[in-house]
Amino acid sequence: MTDESWSSDEVHTVEANANGTEPSHLVYTLGGGSDCGKDNEPASITFDITCNPNKTGQDINFHLQNKDKCKIVITFEHETGCPVTDLGQFKSFL
């Protein structure tokens, strides 16, 4: 797969819920990869970053959720997942 095949991005934030059981997080999806799987849908990779202002730097525990090999999801906690953070910081981190 070439870099040119990843043609679309989607970024959105999810606000914390009122009772505090779900913290704020940032979801960044790179889509438009090669056709994949039995339905020939474009492959994608999603980074779901939970807000944790105390997690900085590159000492991060990544969790891979690959129930669907065509739609990979990687979750982790980091300050870049906080809604007030500039996405440029996240891209620099990667």
Protein backbone atom coordinates (compact mmCIF):
# COMPACT_ATOMS: atom_id res chain seq x y z
CA MET A 1 0.00 0.00 0.00
CA THR A 2 1.41 3.36 -0.92
CA ASP A 3 1.06 6.64 0.96
CA GLU A 4 -1.10 7.97 -1.89
CA SER A 5 -3.76 5.33 -1.15
CA TRP A 6 -4.52 6.90 2.25
CA SER A 7 -6.57 9.78 0.97
CA SER A 8 -9.03 10.77 3.68
CA ASP A 9 -8.79 11.87 7.32
CA GLU A 10 -11.49 12.30 9.90
CA VAL A 11 -10.94 13.94 13.27
CA HIS A 12 -13.49 14.44 16.01
CA THR A 13 -13.58 14.86 19.76
CA VAL A 14 -15.82 13.10 22.22
CA GLU A 15 -16.66 15.11 25.31
CA ALA A 16 -16.66 13.51 28.76
CA ASN A 17 -20.06 12.34 29.91
CA ALA A 18 -21.78 14.01 32.87
CA ASN A 19 -21.14 11.22 35.40
CA GLY A 20 -17.43 11.00 34.54
CA THR A 21 -17.41 7.36 33.46
CA GLU A 22 -16.17 8.27 29.98
CA PRO A 23 -13.41 10.88 29.73
CA SER A 24 -12.88 13.20 26.79
CA HIS A 25 -10.98 11.76 23.88
CA LEU A 26 -9.83 12.52 20.37
CA VAL A 27 -10.52 10.16 17.48
CA TYR A 28 -8.32 10.43 14.37
CA THR A 29 -9.01 8.12 11.42
CA LEU A 30 -6.92 7.70 8.29
CA GLY A 31 -9.11 6.15 5.64
CA GLY A 32 -9.10 5.49 1.96
CA GLY A 33 -6.62 2.62 1.99
CA SER A 34 -6.68 -0.26 -0.46
CA ASP A 35 -9.86 -2.26 -0.84
CA CYS A 36 -9.96 -4.87 1.87
CA GLY A 37 -11.97 -7.84 3.07
CA LYS A 38 -14.95 -9.61 1.57
CA ASP A 39 -16.86 -6.34 1.10
CA ASN A 40 -13.90 -4.58 -0.59
CA GLU A 41 -14.27 -1.53 1.66
CA PRO A 42 -11.29 0.81 1.99
CA ALA A 43 -8.91 -0.08 4.80
CA SER A 44 -8.55 2.39 7.67
CA ILE A 45 -6.62 2.95 10.86
CA THR A 46 -8.06 4.84 13.82
CA PHE A 47 -6.25 6.35 16.80
CA ASP A 48 -8.59 6.77 19.79
CA ILE A 49 -6.71 8.89 22.32
CA THR A 50 -8.20 9.27 25.78
CA CYS A 51 -7.46 12.55 27.51
CA ASN A 52 -4.90 12.19 30.28
CA PRO A 53 -3.06 15.48 30.92
CA ASN A 54 -0.53 13.64 33.10
CA LYS A 55 0.60 11.35 30.27
CA THR A 56 3.25 13.15 28.24
CA GLY A 57 6.17 12.10 26.10
CA GLN A 58 6.47 8.74 24.41
CA ASP A 59 6.07 6.34 27.36
CA ILE A 60 2.64 5.09 26.24
CA ASN A 61 0.77 1.80 26.49
CA PHE A 62 -0.89 1.15 23.13
CA HIS A 63 -3.86 -1.20 22.84
CA LEU A 64 -4.58 -2.74 19.46
CA GLN A 65 -8.17 -3.63 18.62
CA ASN A 66 -8.13 -5.56 15.39
CA LYS A 67 -11.47 -7.36 15.38
CA ASP A 68 -11.65 -6.35 11.72
CA LYS A 69 -8.27 -6.59 9.97
CA CYS A 70 -9.40 -3.88 7.54
CA LYS A 71 -10.33 -1.35 10.22
CA ILE A 72 -7.53 -1.26 12.78
CA VAL A 73 -8.14 0.72 16.00
CA ILE A 74 -5.31 1.76 18.33
CA THR A 75 -6.25 3.22 21.71
CA PHE A 76 -4.09 4.92 24.33
CA GLU A 77 -4.06 7.66 26.96
CA HIS A 78 -2.09 10.85 26.39
CA GLU A 79 -2.30 14.62 26.75
CA THR A 80 -2.80 14.86 22.97
CA GLY A 81 -6.26 13.34 23.49
CA CYS A 82 -7.45 16.33 25.50
CA PRO A 83 -9.79 18.57 23.45
CA VAL A 84 -7.77 21.72 24.11
CA THR A 85 -4.67 20.17 22.50
CA ASP A 86 -3.71 21.16 18.97
CA LEU A 87 -3.81 18.23 16.50
CA GLY A 88 -0.38 19.35 15.27
CA GLN A 89 1.08 18.06 18.53
CA PHE A 90 -0.45 14.65 17.88
CA LYS A 91 0.88 14.49 14.33
CA SER A 92 4.33 15.48 15.63
CA PHE A 93 4.11 12.70 18.22
CA LEU A 94 3.46 10.09 15.52
